[in-house]
Structure formats: structure tokens, C-alpha cells
Amino acid sequence: MSQQERNKAFTATVHGMVQGVGFRYYARSMAHRLGVRGYVQNMPDGSVKIVCEGARAAVDEMERWLRQGPPSARVSYVDITHHPATGGYPTFTVEF
């Protein structure tokens, strides 16, 4: 099994009170702790978008974390689309 096949990826949109509460920086901290790559970005509609890829267990843990978010956030719901990992992200960043 190749590294690509051992990895997992998703794109998520987190809805609720998730902007202006440090969500992106908590997400980056969690991603670095888990060793996943990708990015997090505020969206114009008030949601937060996350692209995440890495080892299956770490990506699963990141997905669980997104459903709760940091203490200051109030996550209403999360839309997640799973897709193959591309290996195209060297680290996890906060995008603007």
C-alpha cells in the first residue's frame, strides 16, 4: 500500500459561531499536534473551510475535533466531503 493510499483527506465547512473566536488558530494548533496538512480559511458567509489530509487516524481525530471546535466557538453543523489525499500540502496553514 502506497503512502497515498494510507492517507486520508477531507474538505469541511464548519457552520455556527466560528469566526472571530480564534477557530482558525486553534485548528492550526490541533493540525500541527496531529501532524496533518492542509489549510483553514474564513469564508464570506461566516463559515470556516478546512482542507485536511494525512494519516488516517490523525485525519479522523481532526474531523472529530471540528465537530466541537475550540471552547469559544459554537459549532452548529459540519459539512464534510472525503476525497483522496493529494500530498500537495507541506504543512497546515491559516489562509486569508
C-alpha atoms as a PDB file:
ATOM      1  CA  MET A   1       0.000   0.000   0.000  1.00  0.00           C
ATOM      2  CA  SER A   2       1.452   3.356  -1.033  1.00  0.00           C
ATOM      3  CA  GLN A   3       1.713   6.359   1.283  1.00  0.00           C
ATOM      4  CA  GLN A   4      -1.065   7.981  -0.752  1.00  0.00           C
ATOM      5  CA  GLU A   5      -3.353   5.025  -0.045  1.00  0.00           C
ATOM      6  CA  ARG A   6      -2.538   5.017   3.693  1.00  0.00           C
ATOM      7  CA  ASN A   7      -3.518   8.656   3.915  1.00  0.00           C
ATOM      8  CA  LYS A   8      -6.983  10.146   4.054  1.00  0.00           C
ATOM      9  CA  ALA A   9      -8.342  13.597   3.220  1.00  0.00           C
ATOM     10  CA  PHE A  10     -11.434  15.740   3.558  1.00  0.00           C
ATOM     11  CA  THR A  11     -12.771  19.185   2.858  1.00  0.00           C
ATOM     12  CA  ALA A  12     -15.090  20.511   5.558  1.00  0.00           C
ATOM     13  CA  THR A  13     -17.228  23.575   6.063  1.00  0.00           C
ATOM     14  CA  VAL A  14     -17.933  24.369   9.710  1.00  0.00           C
ATOM     15  CA  HIS A  15     -21.072  26.401  10.438  1.00  0.00           C
ATOM     16  CA  GLY A  16     -22.109  28.271  13.561  1.00  0.00           C
ATOM     17  CA  MET A  17     -20.343  30.918  15.637  1.00  0.00           C
ATOM     18  CA  VAL A  18     -16.936  30.040  14.223  1.00  0.00           C
ATOM     19  CA  GLN A  19     -15.453  33.349  13.083  1.00  0.00           C
ATOM     20  CA  GLY A  20     -13.929  35.895  15.447  1.00  0.00           C
ATOM     21  CA  VAL A  21     -13.366  33.242  18.121  1.00  0.00           C
ATOM     22  CA  GLY A  22      -9.870  32.013  17.192  1.00  0.00           C
ATOM     23  CA  PHE A  23     -11.184  28.949  15.363  1.00  0.00           C
ATOM     24  CA  ARG A  24      -8.542  29.062  12.614  1.00  0.00           C
ATOM     25  CA  TYR A  25      -5.652  29.302  15.065  1.00  0.00           C
ATOM     26  CA  TYR A  26      -6.989  26.516  17.274  1.00  0.00           C
ATOM     27  CA  ALA A  27      -7.464  24.406  14.123  1.00  0.00           C
ATOM     28  CA  ARG A  28      -3.871  25.069  13.043  1.00  0.00           C
ATOM     29  CA  SER A  29      -2.602  24.149  16.517  1.00  0.00           C
ATOM     30  CA  MET A  30      -4.610  20.908  16.513  1.00  0.00           C
ATOM     31  CA  ALA A  31      -3.458  20.078  12.984  1.00  0.00           C
ATOM     32  CA  HIS A  32       0.192  20.577  13.941  1.00  0.00           C
ATOM     33  CA  ARG A  33      -0.281  18.427  17.038  1.00  0.00           C
ATOM     34  CA  LEU A  34      -1.835  15.652  14.928  1.00  0.00           C
ATOM     35  CA  GLY A  35       0.643  16.008  12.065  1.00  0.00           C
ATOM     36  CA  VAL A  36      -1.973  16.660   9.385  1.00  0.00           C
ATOM     37  CA  ARG A  37      -1.548  19.046   6.455  1.00  0.00           C
ATOM     38  CA  GLY A  38      -3.845  21.423   4.586  1.00  0.00           C
ATOM     39  CA  TYR A  39      -5.368  24.778   5.467  1.00  0.00           C
ATOM     40  CA  VAL A  40      -8.160  26.605   7.269  1.00  0.00           C
ATOM     41  CA  GLN A  41      -9.903  29.721   5.954  1.00  0.00           C
ATOM     42  CA  ASN A  42     -12.777  32.023   6.912  1.00  0.00           C
ATOM     43  CA  MET A  43     -15.488  32.144   4.274  1.00  0.00           C
ATOM     44  CA  PRO A  44     -17.618  35.189   3.332  1.00  0.00           C
ATOM     45  CA  ASP A  45     -20.814  33.517   4.631  1.00  0.00           C
ATOM     46  CA  GLY A  46     -19.438  33.266   8.203  1.00  0.00           C
ATOM     47  CA  SER A  47     -18.405  29.600   7.971  1.00  0.00           C
ATOM     48  CA  VAL A  48     -14.884  28.187   8.146  1.00  0.00           C
ATOM     49  CA  LYS A  49     -13.426  25.921   5.443  1.00  0.00           C
ATOM     50  CA  ILE A  50     -10.849  23.258   6.271  1.00  0.00           C
ATOM     51  CA  VAL A  51      -8.885  21.077   3.886  1.00  0.00           C
ATOM     52  CA  CYS A  52      -7.093  18.323   5.772  1.00  0.00           C
ATOM     53  CA  GLU A  53      -5.012  15.311   4.809  1.00  0.00           C
ATOM     54  CA  GLY A  54      -2.644  12.925   6.498  1.00  0.00           C
ATOM     55  CA  ALA A  55      -2.540   9.596   8.280  1.00  0.00           C
ATOM     56  CA  ARG A  56      -5.999   8.044   8.617  1.00  0.00           C
ATOM     57  CA  ALA A  57      -6.130   8.091  12.435  1.00  0.00           C
ATOM     58  CA  ALA A  58      -4.940  11.713  12.612  1.00  0.00           C
ATOM     59  CA  VAL A  59      -7.434  12.869   9.969  1.00  0.00           C
ATOM     60  CA  ASP A  60     -10.232  11.062  11.801  1.00  0.00           C
ATOM     61  CA  GLU A  61      -9.240  12.839  15.032  1.00  0.00           C
ATOM     62  CA  MET A  62      -9.186  16.227  13.267  1.00  0.00           C
ATOM     63  CA  GLU A  63     -12.667  15.523  11.915  1.00  0.00           C
ATOM     64  CA  ARG A  64     -13.924  14.730  15.441  1.00  0.00           C
ATOM     65  CA  TRP A  65     -12.342  17.926  16.781  1.00  0.00           C
ATOM     66  CA  LEU A  66     -14.047  20.060  14.101  1.00  0.00           C
ATOM     67  CA  ARG A  67     -17.465  18.905  15.266  1.00  0.00           C
ATOM     68  CA  GLN A  68     -16.801  20.571  18.636  1.00  0.00           C
ATOM     69  CA  GLY A  69     -14.207  23.254  17.839  1.00  0.00           C
ATOM     70  CA  PRO A  70     -12.419  25.423  20.394  1.00  0.00           C
ATOM     71  CA  PRO A  71     -14.079  26.467  23.688  1.00  0.00           C
ATOM     72  CA  SER A  72     -15.094  29.906  22.362  1.00  0.00           C
ATOM     73  CA  ALA A  73     -16.832  28.537  19.234  1.00  0.00           C
ATOM     74  CA  ARG A  74     -20.371  27.230  18.855  1.00  0.00           C
ATOM     75  CA  VAL A  75     -20.422  24.664  16.044  1.00  0.00           C
ATOM     76  CA  SER A  76     -23.919  24.164  14.600  1.00  0.00           C
ATOM     77  CA  TYR A  77     -23.013  21.588  11.979  1.00  0.00           C
ATOM     78  CA  VAL A  78     -20.181  20.428   9.729  1.00  0.00           C
ATOM     79  CA  ASP A  79     -20.412  19.515   6.041  1.00  0.00           C
ATOM     80  CA  ILE A  80     -17.627  17.062   5.152  1.00  0.00           C
ATOM     81  CA  THR A  81     -16.604  15.642   1.808  1.00  0.00           C
ATOM     82  CA  HIS A  82     -13.977  12.892   1.838  1.00  0.00           C
ATOM     83  CA  HIS A  83     -11.588  12.601  -1.104  1.00  0.00           C
ATOM     84  CA  PRO A  84      -8.225  11.031  -1.924  1.00  0.00           C
ATOM     85  CA  ALA A  85      -5.167  12.680  -0.389  1.00  0.00           C
ATOM     86  CA  THR A  86      -3.079  14.581  -2.932  1.00  0.00           C
ATOM     87  CA  GLY A  87       0.097  15.093  -0.921  1.00  0.00           C
ATOM     88  CA  GLY A  88       0.004  18.698  -2.104  1.00  0.00           C
ATOM     89  CA  TYR A  89       0.285  20.419   1.284  1.00  0.00           C
ATOM     90  CA  PRO A  90       3.665  20.696   3.039  1.00  0.00           C
ATOM     91  CA  THR A  91       2.119  21.839   6.345  1.00  0.00           C
ATOM     92  CA  PHE A  92      -1.163  23.192   7.774  1.00  0.00           C
ATOM     93  CA  THR A  93      -1.709  26.911   7.287  1.00  0.00           C
ATOM     94  CA  VAL A  94      -4.178  29.683   8.068  1.00  0.00           C
ATOM     95  CA  GLU A  95      -5.320  31.239   4.799  1.00  0.00           C
ATOM     96  CA  PHE A  96      -6.813  34.705   4.400  1.00  0.00           C
END
